[in-house]
């Protein structure tokens, strides 16, 4: 009875992980629309996190500081890796390269996370299921992104920025697991939003923020900003931190393999792109790969 209860509980967190990645897969399209609409990558992050931070203050614990100054420094690192550096590099990449390229490279995060985790904790062995699942999912990711045409427009700067973003998210996943063991998840999430905002401010000394209320009040801009802030950040960051706490780092981040498939389907709905049988087969391989990588 206890085992069944635990199994059902874990199933719920797997569903939450899938939901989070479903939302995050659509954020590439939303961010692209905001960039086309006239917002800079840094401004998109700033507005997104300001709204998310205000929202989470209504629910998070009232305490301000961590228990030790070392933990406070780790929260600053969380704000950098899961906030300012991650989104600045990812949003900037969307200005230089295709959304499909960004989705493909971001999907390497689970492998980066597992490898970094293995380096930090040598006792955490990577079994054959992880290897089989990772290769299967990556093959599926490639099929989804190429979408049957096998032509991918490359932009070195955009692709390198995306790879840096993937590395930042891998480090964030490892750090947030450590802090979730010490502090309530809502407190951790609020600190991520706060230090994400704080650490982006020096960037605006070099590239001043151009605030244009007319752009922000455009329906398509405002709706996409609210989507990114409330659902993509406030809700999904909180859920993701719970998922990492319950399922573990490697299992949780394997769900990121779904992102390219979600991005492809969202793009098809929003901008009427054609989906081929190759892309559909790739989506099946991604799902199968995640299953094998998470096994045992």
C-alpha atoms as a PDB file:
ATOM      1  CA  UNK A   1       0.000   0.000   0.000  1.00  0.00           C
ATOM      2  CA  UNK A   2       2.799   2.413   0.904  1.00  0.00           C
ATOM      3  CA  UNK A   3       4.724   1.492  -2.232  1.00  0.00           C
ATOM      4  CA  UNK A   4       1.653   2.084  -4.387  1.00  0.00           C
ATOM      5  CA  UNK A   5       1.066   5.463  -2.733  1.00  0.00           C
ATOM      6  CA  UNK A   6       4.668   6.511  -3.382  1.00  0.00           C
ATOM      7  CA  UNK A   7       4.408   5.334  -6.977  1.00  0.00           C
ATOM      8  CA  UNK A   8       1.249   7.381  -7.564  1.00  0.00           C
ATOM      9  CA  UNK A   9       2.914  10.376  -5.917  1.00  0.00           C
ATOM     10  CA  UNK A  10       5.909  10.134  -8.262  1.00  0.00           C
ATOM     11  CA  UNK A  11       3.559   9.779 -11.222  1.00  0.00           C
ATOM     12  CA  UNK A  12       2.036  13.122 -10.292  1.00  0.00           C
ATOM     13  CA  UNK A  13       5.459  14.783 -10.369  1.00  0.00           C
ATOM     14  CA  UNK A  14       6.192  13.210 -13.759  1.00  0.00           C
ATOM     15  CA  UNK A  15       2.959  14.770 -15.027  1.00  0.00           C
ATOM     16  CA  UNK A  16       3.986  18.136 -13.564  1.00  0.00           C
ATOM     17  CA  UNK A  17       7.393  17.856 -15.245  1.00  0.00           C
ATOM     18  CA  UNK A  18       5.730  17.148 -18.593  1.00  0.00           C
ATOM     19  CA  UNK A  19       3.379  20.108 -18.119  1.00  0.00           C
ATOM     20  CA  UNK A  20       6.277  22.435 -17.303  1.00  0.00           C
ATOM     21  CA  UNK A  21       8.226  21.431 -20.387  1.00  0.00           C
ATOM     22  CA  UNK A  22       5.061  21.784 -22.478  1.00  0.00           C
ATOM     23  CA  UNK A  23       4.832  25.407 -21.346  1.00  0.00           C
ATOM     24  CA  UNK A  24       8.555  26.067 -21.725  1.00  0.00           C
ATOM     25  CA  UNK A  25       8.512  24.638 -25.232  1.00  0.00           C
ATOM     26  CA  UNK A  26       6.052  27.356 -26.269  1.00  0.00           C
ATOM     27  CA  UNK A  27       8.068  30.158 -24.651  1.00  0.00           C
ATOM     28  CA  UNK A  28      10.535  30.145 -27.569  1.00  0.00           C
ATOM     29  CA  UNK A  29       7.752  31.259 -29.886  1.00  0.00           C
ATOM     30  CA  UNK A  30       6.524  33.874 -27.386  1.00  0.00           C
ATOM     31  CA  UNK A  31      10.021  35.271 -26.934  1.00  0.00           C
ATOM     32  CA  UNK A  32      10.553  35.363 -30.699  1.00  0.00           C
ATOM     33  CA  UNK A  33       7.316  37.328 -31.088  1.00  0.00           C
ATOM     34  CA  UNK A  34       8.443  39.828 -28.432  1.00  0.00           C
ATOM     35  CA  UNK A  35      11.808  40.316 -30.138  1.00  0.00           C
ATOM     36  CA  UNK A  36      10.110  40.874 -33.492  1.00  0.00           C
ATOM     37  CA  UNK A  37       7.737  43.274 -31.705  1.00  0.00           C
ATOM     38  CA  UNK A  38      10.619  45.510 -30.657  1.00  0.00           C
ATOM     39  CA  UNK A  39      11.708  44.342 -27.186  1.00  0.00           C
ATOM     40  CA  UNK A  40      15.378  43.597 -26.501  1.00  0.00           C
ATOM     41  CA  UNK A  41      16.430  40.210 -25.039  1.00  0.00           C
ATOM     42  CA  UNK A  42      17.420  41.853 -21.724  1.00  0.00           C
ATOM     43  CA  UNK A  43      14.174  43.836 -21.511  1.00  0.00           C
ATOM     44  CA  UNK A  44      12.111  40.676 -22.047  1.00  0.00           C
ATOM     45  CA  UNK A  45      13.902  39.002 -19.144  1.00  0.00           C
ATOM     46  CA  UNK A  46      13.578  42.079 -16.910  1.00  0.00           C
ATOM     47  CA  UNK A  47       9.826  42.516 -17.411  1.00  0.00           C
ATOM     48  CA  UNK A  48       9.254  38.768 -17.145  1.00  0.00           C
ATOM     49  CA  UNK A  49      11.059  38.413 -13.824  1.00  0.00           C
ATOM     50  CA  UNK A  50       9.646  41.623 -12.308  1.00  0.00           C
ATOM     51  CA  UNK A  51       6.092  40.341 -12.785  1.00  0.00           C
ATOM     52  CA  UNK A  52       7.056  36.865 -11.540  1.00  0.00           C
ATOM     53  CA  UNK A  53       8.820  38.271  -8.464  1.00  0.00           C
ATOM     54  CA  UNK A  54       5.852  40.447  -7.504  1.00  0.00           C
ATOM     55  CA  UNK A  55       3.576  37.444  -7.879  1.00  0.00           C
ATOM     56  CA  UNK A  56       5.624  35.037  -5.781  1.00  0.00           C
ATOM     57  CA  UNK A  57       5.982  37.537  -2.926  1.00  0.00           C
ATOM     58  CA  UNK A  58       2.327  36.856  -2.094  1.00  0.00           C
ATOM     59  CA  UNK A  59       3.047  33.155  -1.485  1.00  0.00           C
ATOM     60  CA  UNK A  60       6.705  32.761  -0.479  1.00  0.00           C
ATOM     61  CA  UNK A  61       7.910  32.780   3.152  1.00  0.00           C
ATOM     62  CA  UNK A  62       8.495  36.254   4.563  1.00  0.00           C
ATOM     63  CA  UNK A  63      12.081  35.644   5.625  1.00  0.00           C
ATOM     64  CA  UNK A  64      14.629  37.685   3.683  1.00  0.00           C
ATOM     65  CA  UNK A  65      18.003  36.004   4.125  1.00  0.00           C
ATOM     66  CA  UNK A  66      19.465  32.534   3.998  1.00  0.00           C
ATOM     67  CA  UNK A  67      20.752  30.841   7.144  1.00  0.00           C
ATOM     68  CA  UNK A  68      24.407  31.471   6.268  1.00  0.00           C
ATOM     69  CA  UNK A  69      26.291  33.879   4.040  1.00  0.00           C
ATOM     70  CA  UNK A  70      27.577  30.913   2.002  1.00  0.00           C
ATOM     71  CA  UNK A  71      24.011  29.918   1.216  1.00  0.00           C
ATOM     72  CA  UNK A  72      23.248  33.509   0.266  1.00  0.00           C
ATOM     73  CA  UNK A  73      26.139  33.376  -2.212  1.00  0.00           C
ATOM     74  CA  UNK A  74      24.681  30.165  -3.639  1.00  0.00           C
ATOM     75  CA  UNK A  75      21.371  31.976  -4.118  1.00  0.00           C
ATOM     76  CA  UNK A  76      23.223  34.647  -6.090  1.00  0.00           C
ATOM     77  CA  UNK A  77      24.625  31.871  -8.282  1.00  0.00           C
ATOM     78  CA  UNK A  78      21.111  30.505  -8.730  1.00  0.00           C
ATOM     79  CA  UNK A  79      19.960  33.942  -9.865  1.00  0.00           C
ATOM     80  CA  UNK A  80      22.787  34.019 -12.391  1.00  0.00           C
ATOM     81  CA  UNK A  81      22.571  30.480 -13.770  1.00  0.00           C
ATOM     82  CA  UNK A  82      18.785  30.141 -13.744  1.00  0.00           C
ATOM     83  CA  UNK A  83      18.017  33.797 -14.317  1.00  0.00           C
ATOM     84  CA  UNK A  84      20.083  36.599 -15.828  1.00  0.00           C
ATOM     85  CA  UNK A  85      22.839  34.658 -17.617  1.00  0.00           C
ATOM     86  CA  UNK A  86      20.527  31.923 -18.836  1.00  0.00           C
ATOM     87  CA  UNK A  87      17.825  34.160 -20.262  1.00  0.00           C
ATOM     88  CA  UNK A  88      20.162  36.837 -21.569  1.00  0.00           C
ATOM     89  CA  UNK A  89      22.068  34.242 -23.584  1.00  0.00           C
ATOM     90  CA  UNK A  90      18.968  32.307 -24.695  1.00  0.00           C
ATOM     91  CA  UNK A  91      16.947  35.401 -25.643  1.00  0.00           C
ATOM     92  CA  UNK A  92      19.946  36.868 -27.455  1.00  0.00           C
ATOM     93  CA  UNK A  93      20.409  33.593 -29.331  1.00  0.00           C
ATOM     94  CA  UNK A  94      16.835  33.884 -30.615  1.00  0.00           C
ATOM     95  CA  UNK A  95      17.854  37.207 -32.170  1.00  0.00           C
ATOM     96  CA  UNK A  96      20.641  35.542 -34.168  1.00  0.00           C
ATOM     97  CA  UNK A  97      19.495  32.037 -35.003  1.00  0.00           C
ATOM     98  CA  UNK A  98      16.404  29.934 -35.606  1.00  0.00           C
ATOM     99  CA  UNK A  99      14.141  28.905 -32.739  1.00  0.00           C
ATOM    100  CA  UNK A 100      14.614  25.289 -33.837  1.00  0.00           C
ATOM    101  CA  UNK A 101      18.387  25.603 -33.429  1.00  0.00           C
ATOM    102  CA  UNK A 102      17.899  26.994 -29.928  1.00  0.00           C
ATOM    103  CA  UNK A 103      15.493  24.189 -29.034  1.00  0.00           C
ATOM    104  CA  UNK A 104      17.925  21.555 -30.315  1.00  0.00           C
ATOM    105  CA  UNK A 105      20.920  22.843 -28.390  1.00  0.00           C
ATOM    106  CA  UNK A 106      18.943  23.488 -25.195  1.00  0.00           C
ATOM    107  CA  UNK A 107      17.915  19.844 -25.304  1.00  0.00           C
ATOM    108  CA  UNK A 108      21.524  18.872 -24.560  1.00  0.00           C
ATOM    109  CA  UNK A 109      20.940  20.124 -21.002  1.00  0.00           C
ATOM    110  CA  UNK A 110      20.068  16.673 -19.560  1.00  0.00           C
ATOM    111  CA  UNK A 111      23.344  15.218 -20.806  1.00  0.00           C
ATOM    112  CA  UNK A 112      25.322  18.199 -19.481  1.00  0.00           C
ATOM    113  CA  UNK A 113      23.508  17.901 -16.150  1.00  0.00           C
ATOM    114  CA  UNK A 114      24.197  14.184 -15.849  1.00  0.00           C
ATOM    115  CA  UNK A 115      27.868  14.605 -16.741  1.00  0.00           C
ATOM    116  CA  UNK A 116      28.396  17.496 -14.309  1.00  0.00           C
ATOM    117  CA  UNK A 117      26.527  15.553 -11.644  1.00  0.00           C
ATOM    118  CA  UNK A 118      28.789  12.565 -12.304  1.00  0.00           C
ATOM    119  CA  UNK A 119      31.900  14.770 -11.937  1.00  0.00           C
ATOM    120  CA  UNK A 120      30.650  16.322  -8.695  1.00  0.00           C
ATOM    121  CA  UNK A 121      29.354  13.076  -7.213  1.00  0.00           C
ATOM    122  CA  UNK A 122      31.428  10.107  -8.478  1.00  0.00           C
ATOM    123  CA  UNK A 123      29.159   7.642  -6.632  1.00  0.00           C
ATOM    124  CA  UNK A 124      26.269   8.550  -8.959  1.00  0.00           C
ATOM    125  CA  UNK A 125      26.832   6.037 -11.725  1.00  0.00           C
ATOM    126  CA  UNK A 126      25.236   6.418 -15.165  1.00  0.00           C
ATOM    127  CA  UNK A 127      23.693   3.093 -16.216  1.00  0.00           C
ATOM    128  CA  UNK A 128      23.095   1.640 -19.674  1.00  0.00           C
ATOM    129  CA  UNK A 129      19.496   2.844 -19.681  1.00  0.00           C
ATOM    130  CA  UNK A 130      20.719   6.437 -19.465  1.00  0.00           C
ATOM    131  CA  UNK A 131      23.088   5.912 -22.399  1.00  0.00           C
ATOM    132  CA  UNK A 132      20.437   4.213 -24.568  1.00  0.00           C
ATOM    133  CA  UNK A 133      17.776   6.778 -23.685  1.00  0.00           C
ATOM    134  CA  UNK A 134      20.075   9.755 -24.241  1.00  0.00           C
ATOM    135  CA  UNK A 135      21.168   8.662 -27.704  1.00  0.00           C
ATOM    136  CA  UNK A 136      17.607   7.744 -28.676  1.00  0.00           C
ATOM    137  CA  UNK A 137      16.236  11.083 -27.474  1.00  0.00           C
ATOM    138  CA  UNK A 138      19.003  13.082 -29.166  1.00  0.00           C
ATOM    139  CA  UNK A 139      18.321  11.261 -32.418  1.00  0.00           C
ATOM    140  CA  UNK A 140      14.635  12.131 -32.018  1.00  0.00           C
ATOM    141  CA  UNK A 141      15.523  15.750 -31.281  1.00  0.00           C
ATOM    142  CA  UNK A 142      17.551  15.959 -34.493  1.00  0.00           C
ATOM    143  CA  UNK A 143      14.669  14.513 -36.523  1.00  0.00           C
ATOM    144  CA  UNK A 144      12.200  16.961 -34.982  1.00  0.00           C
ATOM    145  CA  UNK A 145      14.383  19.987 -35.586  1.00  0.00           C
ATOM    146  CA  UNK A 146      15.314  19.079 -39.150  1.00  0.00           C
ATOM    147  CA  UNK A 147      11.618  18.301 -39.736  1.00  0.00           C
ATOM    148  CA  UNK A 148      12.346  16.166 -42.765  1.00  0.00           C
ATOM    149  CA  UNK A 149      14.314  18.757 -44.703  1.00  0.00           C
ATOM    150  CA  UNK A 150      17.710  17.952 -43.157  1.00  0.00           C
ATOM    151  CA  UNK A 151      18.740  21.558 -43.689  1.00  0.00           C
ATOM    152  CA  UNK A 152      19.589  23.615 -40.636  1.00  0.00           C
ATOM    153  CA  UNK A 153      20.585  27.240 -40.845  1.00  0.00           C
ATOM    154  CA  UNK A 154      23.614  27.694 -38.638  1.00  0.00           C
ATOM    155  CA  UNK A 155      24.735  30.865 -36.892  1.00  0.00           C
ATOM    156  CA  UNK A 156      27.877  30.386 -34.785  1.00  0.00           C
ATOM    157  CA  UNK A 157      27.155  33.248 -32.374  1.00  0.00           C
ATOM    158  CA  UNK A 158      23.533  32.259 -31.780  1.00  0.00           C
ATOM    159  CA  UNK A 159      24.382  28.570 -31.381  1.00  0.00           C
ATOM    160  CA  UNK A 160      27.257  29.289 -28.974  1.00  0.00           C
ATOM    161  CA  UNK A 161      24.989  31.523 -26.886  1.00  0.00           C
ATOM    162  CA  UNK A 162      22.439  28.694 -26.723  1.00  0.00           C
ATOM    163  CA  UNK A 163      25.084  26.177 -25.678  1.00  0.00           C
ATOM    164  CA  UNK A 164      26.113  28.568 -22.904  1.00  0.00           C
ATOM    165  CA  UNK A 165      22.462  28.813 -21.835  1.00  0.00           C
ATOM    166  CA  UNK A 166      22.209  25.009 -21.700  1.00  0.00           C
ATOM    167  CA  UNK A 167      25.307  24.875 -19.499  1.00  0.00           C
ATOM    168  CA  UNK A 168      23.834  27.534 -17.191  1.00  0.00           C
ATOM    169  CA  UNK A 169      20.600  25.566 -16.797  1.00  0.00           C
ATOM    170  CA  UNK A 170      22.527  22.375 -16.045  1.00  0.00           C
ATOM    171  CA  UNK A 171      24.425  24.172 -13.263  1.00  0.00           C
ATOM    172  CA  UNK A 172      21.167  25.713 -12.020  1.00  0.00           C
ATOM    173  CA  UNK A 173      19.553  22.282 -11.761  1.00  0.00           C
ATOM    174  CA  UNK A 174      22.416  20.982  -9.633  1.00  0.00           C
ATOM    175  CA  UNK A 175      22.462  24.037  -7.370  1.00  0.00           C
ATOM    176  CA  UNK A 176      18.703  24.221  -6.896  1.00  0.00           C
ATOM    177  CA  UNK A 177      18.590  20.583  -5.808  1.00  0.00           C
ATOM    178  CA  UNK A 178      21.110  21.408  -3.079  1.00  0.00           C
ATOM    179  CA  UNK A 179      19.155  24.453  -1.876  1.00  0.00           C
ATOM    180  CA  UNK A 180      15.790  22.654  -2.003  1.00  0.00           C
ATOM    181  CA  UNK A 181      17.170  20.255   0.587  1.00  0.00           C
ATOM    182  CA  UNK A 182      17.743  23.191   2.968  1.00  0.00           C
ATOM    183  CA  UNK A 183      14.965  25.692   2.299  1.00  0.00           C
ATOM    184  CA  UNK A 184      11.284  25.727   1.254  1.00  0.00           C
ATOM    185  CA  UNK A 185      10.837  25.611  -2.511  1.00  0.00           C
ATOM    186  CA  UNK A 186       8.861  28.872  -2.661  1.00  0.00           C
ATOM    187  CA  UNK A 187      11.617  30.654  -0.730  1.00  0.00           C
ATOM    188  CA  UNK A 188      14.234  29.285  -3.141  1.00  0.00           C
ATOM    189  CA  UNK A 189      12.192  30.330  -6.170  1.00  0.00           C
ATOM    190  CA  UNK A 190      11.701  33.852  -4.811  1.00  0.00           C
ATOM    191  CA  UNK A 191      15.433  34.211  -4.242  1.00  0.00           C
ATOM    192  CA  UNK A 192      16.109  33.068  -7.816  1.00  0.00           C
ATOM    193  CA  UNK A 193      13.799  35.768  -9.166  1.00  0.00           C
ATOM    194  CA  UNK A 194      15.310  38.429  -6.883  1.00  0.00           C
ATOM    195  CA  UNK A 195      18.947  37.716  -7.689  1.00  0.00           C
ATOM    196  CA  UNK A 196      18.112  37.197 -11.353  1.00  0.00           C
ATOM    197  CA  UNK A 197      16.805  40.761 -11.425  1.00  0.00           C
ATOM    198  CA  UNK A 198      19.692  42.114  -9.342  1.00  0.00           C
ATOM    199  CA  UNK A 199      22.393  40.542 -11.504  1.00  0.00           C
ATOM    200  CA  UNK A 200      20.916  41.820 -14.797  1.00  0.00           C
ATOM    201  CA  UNK A 201      21.166  45.471 -13.657  1.00  0.00           C
ATOM    202  CA  UNK A 202      24.904  45.893 -14.503  1.00  0.00           C
ATOM    203  CA  UNK A 203      24.067  44.937 -18.091  1.00  0.00           C
ATOM    204  CA  UNK A 204      21.869  48.018 -18.414  1.00  0.00           C
ATOM    205  CA  UNK A 205      24.846  50.229 -17.548  1.00  0.00           C
ATOM    206  CA  UNK A 206      26.403  49.073 -20.814  1.00  0.00           C
ATOM    207  CA  UNK A 207      23.178  48.742 -22.827  1.00  0.00           C
ATOM    208  CA  UNK A 208      20.610  51.176 -21.383  1.00  0.00           C
ATOM    209  CA  UNK A 209      17.008  50.005 -21.176  1.00  0.00           C
ATOM    210  CA  UNK A 210      14.676  51.740 -23.639  1.00  0.00           C
ATOM    211  CA  UNK A 211      11.263  51.815 -21.972  1.00  0.00           C
ATOM    212  CA  UNK A 212       8.422  52.302 -24.444  1.00  0.00           C
ATOM    213  CA  UNK A 213       4.949  52.090 -22.892  1.00  0.00           C
ATOM    214  CA  UNK A 214       3.294  52.099 -26.330  1.00  0.00           C
ATOM    215  CA  UNK A 215       5.094  48.869 -27.256  1.00  0.00           C
ATOM    216  CA  UNK A 216       4.324  47.222 -23.901  1.00  0.00           C
ATOM    217  CA  UNK A 217       0.602  47.982 -24.139  1.00  0.00           C
ATOM    218  CA  UNK A 218       0.221  46.351 -27.534  1.00  0.00           C
ATOM    219  CA  UNK A 219      -2.074  43.303 -27.002  1.00  0.00           C
ATOM    220  CA  UNK A 220       0.334  40.786 -28.549  1.00  0.00           C
ATOM    221  CA  UNK A 221       3.271  42.138 -26.508  1.00  0.00           C
ATOM    222  CA  UNK A 222       1.402  42.360 -23.211  1.00  0.00           C
ATOM    223  CA  UNK A 223      -0.232  38.933 -23.560  1.00  0.00           C
ATOM    224  CA  UNK A 224       3.056  37.202 -24.366  1.00  0.00           C
ATOM    225  CA  UNK A 225       4.853  38.976 -21.520  1.00  0.00           C
ATOM    226  CA  UNK A 226       2.160  37.894 -19.051  1.00  0.00           C
ATOM    227  CA  UNK A 227       2.354  34.342 -20.398  1.00  0.00           C
ATOM    228  CA  UNK A 228       6.131  34.253 -19.937  1.00  0.00           C
ATOM    229  CA  UNK A 229       6.004  35.867 -16.497  1.00  0.00           C
ATOM    230  CA  UNK A 230       3.045  34.149 -14.836  1.00  0.00           C
ATOM    231  CA  UNK A 231       2.939  30.720 -16.443  1.00  0.00           C
ATOM    232  CA  UNK A 232       6.463  30.367 -17.808  1.00  0.00           C
ATOM    233  CA  UNK A 233       8.239  31.751 -14.726  1.00  0.00           C
ATOM    234  CA  UNK A 234       6.086  32.108 -11.590  1.00  0.00           C
ATOM    235  CA  UNK A 235       4.194  28.834 -11.916  1.00  0.00           C
ATOM    236  CA  UNK A 236       6.622  26.669 -13.851  1.00  0.00           C
ATOM    237  CA  UNK A 237       9.757  27.645 -11.908  1.00  0.00           C
ATOM    238  CA  UNK A 238       7.971  26.690  -8.690  1.00  0.00           C
ATOM    239  CA  UNK A 239       6.742  23.408 -10.143  1.00  0.00           C
ATOM    240  CA  UNK A 240      10.173  22.622 -11.597  1.00  0.00           C
ATOM    241  CA  UNK A 241      11.894  23.111  -8.252  1.00  0.00           C
ATOM    242  CA  UNK A 242       9.404  20.719  -6.639  1.00  0.00           C
ATOM    243  CA  UNK A 243       9.967  18.211  -9.459  1.00  0.00           C
ATOM    244  CA  UNK A 244      13.756  18.315  -9.039  1.00  0.00           C
ATOM    245  CA  UNK A 245      13.355  17.864  -5.285  1.00  0.00           C
ATOM    246  CA  UNK A 246      11.139  14.800  -5.717  1.00  0.00           C
ATOM    247  CA  UNK A 247      12.354  13.069  -8.886  1.00  0.00           C
ATOM    248  CA  UNK A 248      16.045  13.982  -8.774  1.00  0.00           C
ATOM    249  CA  UNK A 249      18.190  16.039 -11.104  1.00  0.00           C
ATOM    250  CA  UNK A 250      18.833  13.617 -13.965  1.00  0.00           C
ATOM    251  CA  UNK A 251      15.280  12.268 -14.230  1.00  0.00           C
ATOM    252  CA  UNK A 252      13.749  15.745 -14.113  1.00  0.00           C
ATOM    253  CA  UNK A 253      16.070  17.308 -16.678  1.00  0.00           C
ATOM    254  CA  UNK A 254      15.494  14.436 -19.101  1.00  0.00           C
ATOM    255  CA  UNK A 255      12.085  15.971 -19.734  1.00  0.00           C
ATOM    256  CA  UNK A 256      13.864  18.853 -21.469  1.00  0.00           C
ATOM    257  CA  UNK A 257      14.169  16.493 -24.444  1.00  0.00           C
ATOM    258  CA  UNK A 258      10.490  17.269 -25.094  1.00  0.00           C
ATOM    259  CA  UNK A 259      11.165  20.964 -25.710  1.00  0.00           C
ATOM    260  CA  UNK A 260      12.089  20.758 -29.444  1.00  0.00           C
ATOM    261  CA  UNK A 261       8.949  18.754 -30.208  1.00  0.00           C
ATOM    262  CA  UNK A 262       6.748  21.241 -28.356  1.00  0.00           C
ATOM    263  CA  UNK A 263       8.475  24.157 -30.082  1.00  0.00           C
ATOM    264  CA  UNK A 264       7.926  22.562 -33.476  1.00  0.00           C
ATOM    265  CA  UNK A 265       4.215  21.965 -32.913  1.00  0.00           C
ATOM    266  CA  UNK A 266       3.709  25.433 -31.423  1.00  0.00           C
ATOM    267  CA  UNK A 267       5.436  27.005 -34.415  1.00  0.00           C
ATOM    268  CA  UNK A 268       3.180  25.001 -36.720  1.00  0.00           C
ATOM    269  CA  UNK A 269       0.084  26.368 -34.982  1.00  0.00           C
ATOM    270  CA  UNK A 270       1.295  29.968 -34.716  1.00  0.00           C
ATOM    271  CA  UNK A 271       3.050  30.416 -38.055  1.00  0.00           C
ATOM    272  CA  UNK A 272       1.541  27.504 -40.009  1.00  0.00           C
ATOM    273  CA  UNK A 273       4.715  25.461 -40.533  1.00  0.00           C
ATOM    274  CA  UNK A 274       4.354  22.023 -42.114  1.00  0.00           C
ATOM    275  CA  UNK A 275       4.999  18.991 -39.858  1.00  0.00           C
ATOM    276  CA  UNK A 276       6.393  15.931 -41.651  1.00  0.00           C
ATOM    277  CA  UNK A 277       6.261  12.265 -40.734  1.00  0.00           C
ATOM    278  CA  UNK A 278       9.962  12.531 -39.856  1.00  0.00           C
ATOM    279  CA  UNK A 279       9.155  15.077 -37.158  1.00  0.00           C
ATOM    280  CA  UNK A 280       6.363  12.893 -35.775  1.00  0.00           C
ATOM    281  CA  UNK A 281       8.705   9.886 -35.671  1.00  0.00           C
ATOM    282  CA  UNK A 282      11.253  12.076 -33.889  1.00  0.00           C
ATOM    283  CA  UNK A 283       8.672  13.006 -31.262  1.00  0.00           C
ATOM    284  CA  UNK A 284       8.034   9.298 -30.610  1.00  0.00           C
ATOM    285  CA  UNK A 285      11.773   8.706 -30.243  1.00  0.00           C
ATOM    286  CA  UNK A 286      12.039  11.581 -27.778  1.00  0.00           C
ATOM    287  CA  UNK A 287       9.285  10.124 -25.592  1.00  0.00           C
ATOM    288  CA  UNK A 288      10.853   6.655 -25.782  1.00  0.00           C
ATOM    289  CA  UNK A 289      14.293   8.057 -25.008  1.00  0.00           C
ATOM    290  CA  UNK A 290      13.044   9.896 -21.935  1.00  0.00           C
ATOM    291  CA  UNK A 291      11.471   6.659 -20.711  1.00  0.00           C
ATOM    292  CA  UNK A 292      14.671   4.657 -21.099  1.00  0.00           C
ATOM    293  CA  UNK A 293      16.896   7.408 -19.666  1.00  0.00           C
ATOM    294  CA  UNK A 294      14.657   7.623 -16.576  1.00  0.00           C
ATOM    295  CA  UNK A 295      14.440   3.840 -16.109  1.00  0.00           C
ATOM    296  CA  UNK A 296      15.944   2.591 -12.809  1.00  0.00           C
END
